[in-house]
Each structure stands twice: as structure tokens, then as C-alpha cells.
Amino acid sequence: MDVLSRNNIITNYKELHTEDSVKFLLEIPKGTPNGLCSNNAAVSADERKQKLRKALKLDSVVGTSTMVLFDERNTLRKFDAIEEIFEVFFEVRRRKYIERREHQKRQLQAKLRFFENQYRFVEMLLNRELIIEGKSRQDIEEALRSRNFESDPLHTQQDDDVNNNSGGERNKSSAEFGYLLDMPLIRLTSEEAKSLCERRDSKRVEMDQLEHTDWKTMWRDDLQNLLAVSGCFVK
């Protein structure tokens, strides 16, 4: 950085590093004839960009005699070969894609059960298979349990995700059937039942697609999306 400052490539810089990241804030001089922010109309934006990348050595050849990098635990680690870096990177990404796939499966399963329970609830009310008028909430909840309705699957899934990370026990919700009993009256219609059925079936399709998608395919799809997006910026 001092060399860049002496050569008038930058006027000042700040180091904003943390324990987990490395960050520099650079101030670039403006209006200098040959500077990176030159006002010279003959210097195109692409030329200034290339000059900046060259000055900061973003496109320079990096030596491999000493390779010290932050690893997946944010610990500085010395690598003996480039292949070793690739191996570590691959293993971390593979593990994260497997975790992501399992997390998405749990979320889809919870949403599927959520819509399935709401659909059954509305259908049973419409068909008078479940009577809730004039009954206490406690009696209604007991009736729901006896008919195998679940506590709010989305709330349960959120609790499980938190407790999987914290190691604690899942908190019991005082409104475990609120997602059913607190539905607005306007939703207790045949049209709503049809809509819930369609949403449930949509989640089943998503679940089936995910079941047939392995972590390798997820990674490839992300890379293809990255290439498509980056192509909009890199000419």
C-alpha cells in the first residue's frame, strides 16, 4: 500500500480488518492526467479499470512458493500445493451442499404438512365431520389431536432448526394449533379448500424434484446461474 501511495496511485488507505475478514478502503486521486480517475477523455472507462486492476495486482501472476490462506475455520493455514487448496475447497462445498439439501427437504416437508393439515381442517369443517361451535379451545385441540392433526409444522421446524444448532430442547408452543383455529372465517370455504389442495400438491411436486436432485446437480446449477449473471457484468 505504501508503494501505491508513493506512486500516486492512491492517496490514502484504511485497514478495516476483523478477526474473520481482510478489508482495505482505498482513496484514489481524481483529475490527475495519468491517474486511475483521470479526466482525460481519451482514457476510456475500460482502460481505467484495467489500469486499476493492474496497479492493485488483481490480475497479476501469484507465486506459489508460499501459500498461506484462511481455511474453513477462519484459521490461517499453510498449503503445500495448489491441489491441496482445491481439495479442501471441494470438501467444504460438498458438505455445505449436502447440508443445504437436507435443510430444504425439512422445509418442504414442513410446508407440505402445513397445507395438508389446513386442507383437512377446512374439509372436515365443510363436511361437518368436525364441530367446533360452542366448544372450548381446549376441547377443540383435543379433538384435533385425536384426528391426528399436527402442531404447527412450520413452527416445529423452526424450533428444530434452532435446537439442532444450539443443542437445546424444542420449546412447546402455547398456540400449537393457531395455524388452524386462528384462520379467518372467510377462508373456511370450498374455494379455500381447493386453493390449499393445489398448494399442497405444488409442494409435493417440489419435494419430488428435490428427492431426485443430488448435491452435485445443485452445485452445477449454481455455477450455471453464476456464469449467466456474471456475463451481464463482464464483457
Protein backbone atom coordinates (compact mmCIF):
# COMPACT_ATOMS: atom_id res chain seq x y z
CA MET A 1 0.00 0.00 0.00
CA ASP A 2 2.84 2.40 0.78
CA VAL A 3 4.27 1.82 -2.70
CA LEU A 4 0.89 2.60 -4.27
CA SER A 5 0.69 5.80 -2.23
CA ARG A 6 4.21 6.93 -3.21
CA ASN A 7 3.40 6.34 -6.87
CA ASN A 8 0.25 8.49 -6.52
CA ILE A 9 -1.97 5.56 -7.42
CA ILE A 10 -3.82 6.01 -4.13
CA THR A 11 -3.86 8.99 -1.76
CA ASN A 12 -4.74 7.11 1.39
CA TYR A 13 -6.00 3.80 2.68
CA LYS A 14 -7.68 2.39 5.75
CA GLU A 15 -7.48 -1.10 7.15
CA LEU A 16 -10.89 -2.35 8.27
CA HIS A 17 -9.96 -5.93 9.06
CA THR A 18 -11.82 -8.14 11.51
CA GLU A 19 -10.94 -11.48 13.04
CA ASP A 20 -12.74 -13.18 10.17
CA SER A 21 -12.02 -10.98 7.16
CA VAL A 22 -9.47 -8.74 5.45
CA LYS A 23 -10.68 -5.40 4.09
CA PHE A 24 -8.93 -2.28 2.73
CA LEU A 25 -10.64 1.03 1.92
CA LEU A 26 -8.71 2.91 -0.79
CA GLU A 27 -8.86 6.60 -1.71
CA ILE A 28 -7.94 7.25 -5.35
CA PRO A 29 -6.79 10.68 -6.61
CA LYS A 30 -9.09 12.45 -9.05
CA GLY A 31 -8.27 14.59 -12.03
CA THR A 32 -4.60 13.65 -12.44
CA PRO A 33 -3.51 13.36 -16.09
CA ASN A 34 -2.39 9.76 -15.81
CA GLY A 35 -4.19 8.74 -12.63
CA LEU A 36 -6.72 5.98 -12.26
CA CYS A 37 -9.53 8.56 -12.17
CA SER A 38 -8.15 10.67 -14.98
CA ASN A 39 -10.40 13.33 -16.51
CA ASN A 40 -8.67 12.77 -19.84
CA ALA A 41 -11.45 11.99 -22.30
CA ALA A 42 -9.01 9.91 -24.33
CA VAL A 43 -8.79 7.42 -21.46
CA SER A 44 -11.78 5.10 -21.60
CA ALA A 45 -13.53 3.58 -18.61
CA ASP A 46 -12.24 0.15 -19.59
CA GLU A 47 -8.68 1.46 -19.73
CA ARG A 48 -9.01 3.00 -16.26
CA LYS A 49 -10.48 -0.24 -14.96
CA GLN A 50 -7.63 -2.28 -16.43
CA LYS A 51 -5.11 0.16 -15.01
CA LEU A 52 -6.66 -0.14 -11.57
CA ARG A 53 -6.64 -3.92 -11.67
CA LYS A 54 -3.02 -3.92 -12.80
CA ALA A 55 -1.97 -1.40 -10.14
CA LEU A 56 -3.61 -3.42 -7.39
CA LYS A 57 -2.19 -6.62 -8.87
CA LEU A 58 -5.61 -8.20 -9.13
CA ASP A 59 -4.64 -9.76 -12.45
CA SER A 60 -1.01 -10.42 -11.62
CA VAL A 61 0.60 -13.83 -11.52
CA VAL A 62 0.73 -15.03 -7.92
CA GLY A 63 3.66 -17.09 -6.78
CA THR A 64 3.03 -20.45 -5.18
CA SER A 65 6.18 -20.76 -3.12
CA THR A 66 4.33 -19.57 0.00
CA MET A 67 0.59 -20.20 0.14
CA VAL A 68 -1.00 -19.10 3.41
CA LEU A 69 -4.78 -18.75 3.36
CA PHE A 70 -7.77 -18.68 5.68
CA ASP A 71 -9.34 -22.14 5.85
CA GLU A 72 -12.98 -23.06 6.54
CA ARG A 73 -12.45 -22.41 10.27
CA ASN A 74 -11.13 -18.88 9.56
CA THR A 75 -7.69 -20.03 10.64
CA LEU A 76 -4.54 -19.13 8.72
CA ARG A 77 -3.16 -22.29 7.18
CA LYS A 78 -0.15 -23.02 5.02
CA PHE A 79 -0.83 -25.13 1.96
CA ASP A 80 1.93 -27.09 0.28
CA ALA A 81 0.28 -27.38 -3.14
CA ILE A 82 -2.49 -25.79 -5.19
CA GLU A 83 -4.21 -29.17 -5.40
CA GLU A 84 -4.47 -29.22 -1.62
CA ILE A 85 -6.40 -25.93 -1.70
CA PHE A 86 -8.78 -27.35 -4.30
CA GLU A 87 -9.32 -30.50 -2.22
CA VAL A 88 -10.18 -28.53 0.91
CA PHE A 89 -12.46 -26.17 -1.02
CA PHE A 90 -14.23 -29.07 -2.72
CA GLU A 91 -14.85 -30.93 0.52
CA VAL A 92 -16.24 -27.85 2.26
CA ARG A 93 -18.56 -27.05 -0.65
CA ARG A 94 -19.69 -30.68 -0.93
CA ARG A 95 -20.55 -30.79 2.76
CA LYS A 96 -22.44 -27.49 2.62
CA TYR A 97 -24.49 -28.58 -0.39
CA ILE A 98 -25.48 -31.77 1.40
CA GLU A 99 -26.49 -29.74 4.46
CA ARG A 100 -28.41 -27.29 2.27
CA ARG A 101 -30.28 -30.08 0.51
CA GLU A 102 -31.31 -31.64 3.82
CA HIS A 103 -32.42 -28.24 5.14
CA GLN A 104 -34.52 -27.63 2.03
CA LYS A 105 -36.08 -31.09 2.41
CA ARG A 106 -37.07 -30.35 6.00
CA GLN A 107 -38.56 -27.01 4.97
CA LEU A 108 -40.56 -28.53 2.12
CA GLN A 109 -41.80 -31.37 4.31
CA ALA A 110 -42.96 -28.86 6.92
CA LYS A 111 -44.77 -26.72 4.32
CA LEU A 112 -46.34 -29.82 2.79
CA ARG A 113 -47.69 -30.95 6.17
CA PHE A 114 -48.81 -27.37 6.94
CA PHE A 115 -51.01 -27.16 3.83
CA GLU A 116 -52.17 -30.77 4.21
CA ASN A 117 -53.38 -30.10 7.77
CA GLN A 118 -55.08 -26.85 6.79
CA TYR A 119 -56.77 -28.56 3.84
CA ARG A 120 -58.04 -31.43 6.02
CA PHE A 121 -59.23 -28.97 8.66
CA VAL A 122 -61.28 -26.90 6.22
CA GLU A 123 -62.67 -30.01 4.51
CA MET A 124 -63.77 -31.54 7.81
CA LEU A 125 -65.49 -28.31 8.84
CA LEU A 126 -67.29 -28.03 5.50
CA ASN A 127 -68.40 -31.68 5.66
CA ARG A 128 -69.42 -31.30 9.32
CA GLU A 129 -67.01 -34.08 10.29
CA LEU A 130 -65.57 -31.73 12.90
CA ILE A 131 -67.79 -29.50 15.01
CA ILE A 132 -66.14 -26.60 16.84
CA GLU A 133 -69.09 -24.28 17.54
CA GLY A 134 -69.83 -23.82 21.23
CA LYS A 135 -66.75 -25.78 22.36
CA SER A 136 -63.79 -24.56 24.40
CA ARG A 137 -60.44 -24.20 22.70
CA GLN A 138 -59.02 -26.95 24.89
CA ASP A 139 -61.75 -29.38 23.80
CA ILE A 140 -61.22 -28.43 20.16
CA GLU A 141 -57.47 -29.00 20.42
CA GLU A 142 -58.10 -32.43 21.97
CA ALA A 143 -60.42 -33.23 19.07
CA LEU A 144 -57.71 -32.18 16.61
CA ARG A 145 -55.11 -34.39 18.30
CA SER A 146 -57.49 -37.35 18.24
CA ARG A 147 -57.81 -36.86 14.48
CA ASN A 148 -54.01 -36.79 14.03
CA PHE A 149 -53.68 -33.08 13.30
CA GLU A 150 -50.15 -31.82 13.95
CA SER A 151 -48.86 -28.90 15.94
CA ASP A 152 -47.91 -26.08 13.55
CA PRO A 153 -45.34 -27.86 11.31
CA LEU A 154 -43.63 -24.59 10.32
CA HIS A 155 -43.20 -23.52 13.94
CA THR A 156 -41.97 -27.00 14.86
CA GLN A 157 -39.45 -26.95 12.00
CA GLN A 158 -38.09 -23.56 13.05
CA ASP A 159 -37.67 -24.79 16.62
CA ASP A 160 -35.91 -27.94 15.42
CA ASP A 161 -33.52 -25.93 13.25
CA VAL A 162 -32.64 -23.67 16.18
CA ASN A 163 -32.18 -26.57 18.57
CA ASN A 164 -30.09 -28.55 16.08
CA ASN A 165 -27.67 -25.64 16.14
CA SER A 166 -27.89 -24.88 19.87
CA GLY A 167 -28.26 -28.39 21.24
CA GLY A 168 -31.30 -27.42 23.32
CA GLU A 169 -34.74 -28.92 23.59
CA ARG A 170 -37.60 -27.76 21.41
CA ASN A 171 -39.86 -25.15 23.00
CA LYS A 172 -43.54 -26.04 23.25
CA SER A 173 -45.82 -23.51 21.64
CA SER A 174 -48.82 -22.29 23.60
CA ALA A 175 -50.66 -21.83 20.28
CA GLU A 176 -49.71 -25.07 18.56
CA PHE A 177 -52.98 -25.20 16.61
CA GLY A 178 -53.22 -21.47 15.94
CA TYR A 179 -52.47 -22.05 12.26
CA LEU A 180 -55.82 -23.88 12.12
CA LEU A 181 -58.04 -22.30 14.75
CA ASP A 182 -57.00 -18.72 14.02
CA MET A 183 -57.81 -18.93 10.32
CA PRO A 184 -60.19 -16.10 9.27
CA LEU A 185 -63.79 -17.18 8.76
CA ILE A 186 -63.63 -16.09 5.10
CA ARG A 187 -61.07 -18.84 4.48
CA LEU A 188 -63.41 -21.63 5.61
CA THR A 189 -64.85 -22.06 2.13
CA SER A 190 -64.77 -24.63 -0.65
CA GLU A 191 -62.67 -22.21 -2.72
CA GLU A 192 -60.09 -22.05 0.05
CA ALA A 193 -60.08 -25.83 0.34
CA LYS A 194 -59.34 -26.07 -3.38
CA SER A 195 -56.55 -23.48 -3.08
CA LEU A 196 -54.98 -25.33 -0.15
CA CYS A 197 -55.18 -28.60 -2.08
CA GLU A 198 -53.35 -27.01 -5.02
CA ARG A 199 -50.67 -25.53 -2.77
CA ARG A 200 -50.19 -28.88 -1.07
CA ASP A 201 -49.82 -30.63 -4.43
CA SER A 202 -47.34 -27.96 -5.56
CA LYS A 203 -45.16 -28.71 -2.54
CA ARG A 204 -45.36 -32.41 -3.34
CA VAL A 205 -44.01 -31.70 -6.81
CA GLU A 206 -41.18 -29.59 -5.36
CA MET A 207 -40.41 -32.35 -2.87
CA ASP A 208 -40.27 -34.96 -5.62
CA GLN A 209 -37.94 -32.77 -7.67
CA LEU A 210 -35.63 -32.27 -4.71
CA GLU A 211 -35.61 -36.01 -3.96
CA HIS A 212 -34.28 -36.57 -7.48
CA THR A 213 -31.70 -33.78 -7.25
CA ASP A 214 -28.35 -34.65 -5.68
CA TRP A 215 -25.77 -32.22 -4.29
CA LYS A 216 -23.72 -32.40 -7.49
CA THR A 217 -26.64 -31.16 -9.59
CA MET A 218 -27.31 -28.34 -7.12
CA TRP A 219 -23.68 -27.24 -7.38
CA ARG A 220 -23.69 -27.37 -11.19
CA ASP A 221 -26.93 -25.37 -11.32
CA ASP A 222 -25.45 -22.69 -9.07
CA LEU A 223 -22.36 -22.47 -11.26
CA GLN A 224 -24.50 -22.12 -14.39
CA ASN A 225 -26.53 -19.36 -12.74
CA LEU A 226 -23.32 -17.63 -11.66
CA LEU A 227 -21.97 -17.73 -15.20
CA ALA A 228 -25.23 -16.33 -16.56
CA VAL A 229 -25.28 -13.47 -14.05
CA SER A 230 -21.58 -12.66 -14.30
CA GLY A 231 -21.91 -12.46 -18.08
CA CYS A 232 -24.11 -9.38 -17.62
CA PHE A 233 -21.24 -7.53 -15.95
CA VAL A 234 -18.11 -8.95 -17.54
CA LYS A 235 -17.76 -8.02 -21.18
